[in-house]
Protein backbone atom coordinates (compact mmCIF):
# COMPACT_ATOMS: atom_id res chain seq x y z
CA MET A 1 0.00 0.00 0.00
CA ASP A 2 1.51 3.31 -1.10
CA VAL A 3 0.62 6.30 1.06
CA PRO A 4 1.65 9.79 -0.07
CA LEU A 5 4.05 11.54 2.30
CA TRP A 6 1.78 14.56 2.71
CA PHE A 7 -1.10 12.33 3.78
CA ALA A 8 1.04 10.43 6.30
CA LEU A 9 2.32 13.73 7.76
CA ILE A 10 -1.21 15.07 8.13
CA ILE A 11 -2.33 11.91 9.94
CA VAL A 12 0.71 11.86 12.27
CA GLY A 13 0.31 15.58 12.98
CA TRP A 14 -3.40 15.24 13.70
CA LEU A 15 -2.79 12.30 16.04
CA GLY A 16 0.01 14.18 17.80
CA VAL A 17 -2.15 17.23 18.42
CA LYS A 18 -5.12 15.10 19.45
CA LEU A 19 -3.21 12.83 21.87
CA ILE A 20 -0.47 15.08 23.27
CA ARG A 21 -2.43 18.38 23.16
CA PRO A 22 0.47 20.83 22.79
CA PRO A 23 -0.31 24.56 22.97
CA LEU A 24 -1.34 26.09 19.66
CA TRP A 25 1.52 28.60 19.76
CA LEU A 26 4.03 25.74 19.98
CA VAL A 27 2.55 24.05 16.92
CA ALA A 28 2.71 27.35 15.00
CA VAL A 29 6.33 28.02 16.04
CA LEU A 30 7.44 24.52 15.02
CA LEU A 31 5.70 24.73 11.65
CA LEU A 32 7.05 28.20 10.91
CA GLY A 33 10.54 27.30 12.14
CA GLY A 34 10.65 24.18 9.99
CA TYR A 35 9.48 26.12 6.96
CA LEU A 36 12.10 28.83 7.46
CA LEU A 37 14.86 26.32 8.19
CA ALA A 38 14.10 24.38 5.00
CA ASP A 39 14.79 27.53 2.97
CA SER A 40 17.98 28.50 4.80
CA LEU A 41 21.66 27.89 4.12
CA LEU A 42 21.61 25.07 6.69
CA ALA A 43 19.19 22.97 4.67
CA PRO A 44 21.89 21.01 2.73
CA ALA A 45 23.80 20.29 5.94
CA ILE A 46 20.65 19.06 7.67
CA ASP A 47 19.77 16.93 4.65
CA THR A 48 23.16 15.19 4.66
CA ALA A 49 23.02 14.70 8.44
CA ILE A 50 19.61 13.05 8.20
CA LYS A 51 20.67 10.69 5.44
């Protein structure tokens, strides 16, 4: 069964918010920080570190 990555991320994110109940500001900061970090000069270094 092939599940698109965006769908899996939505499901995991929804379950995380539903079960752990983090504050909404923390969710917003993490999403914005990840978005900004992905477009920074550190993105290639993070990509090689993850792989």
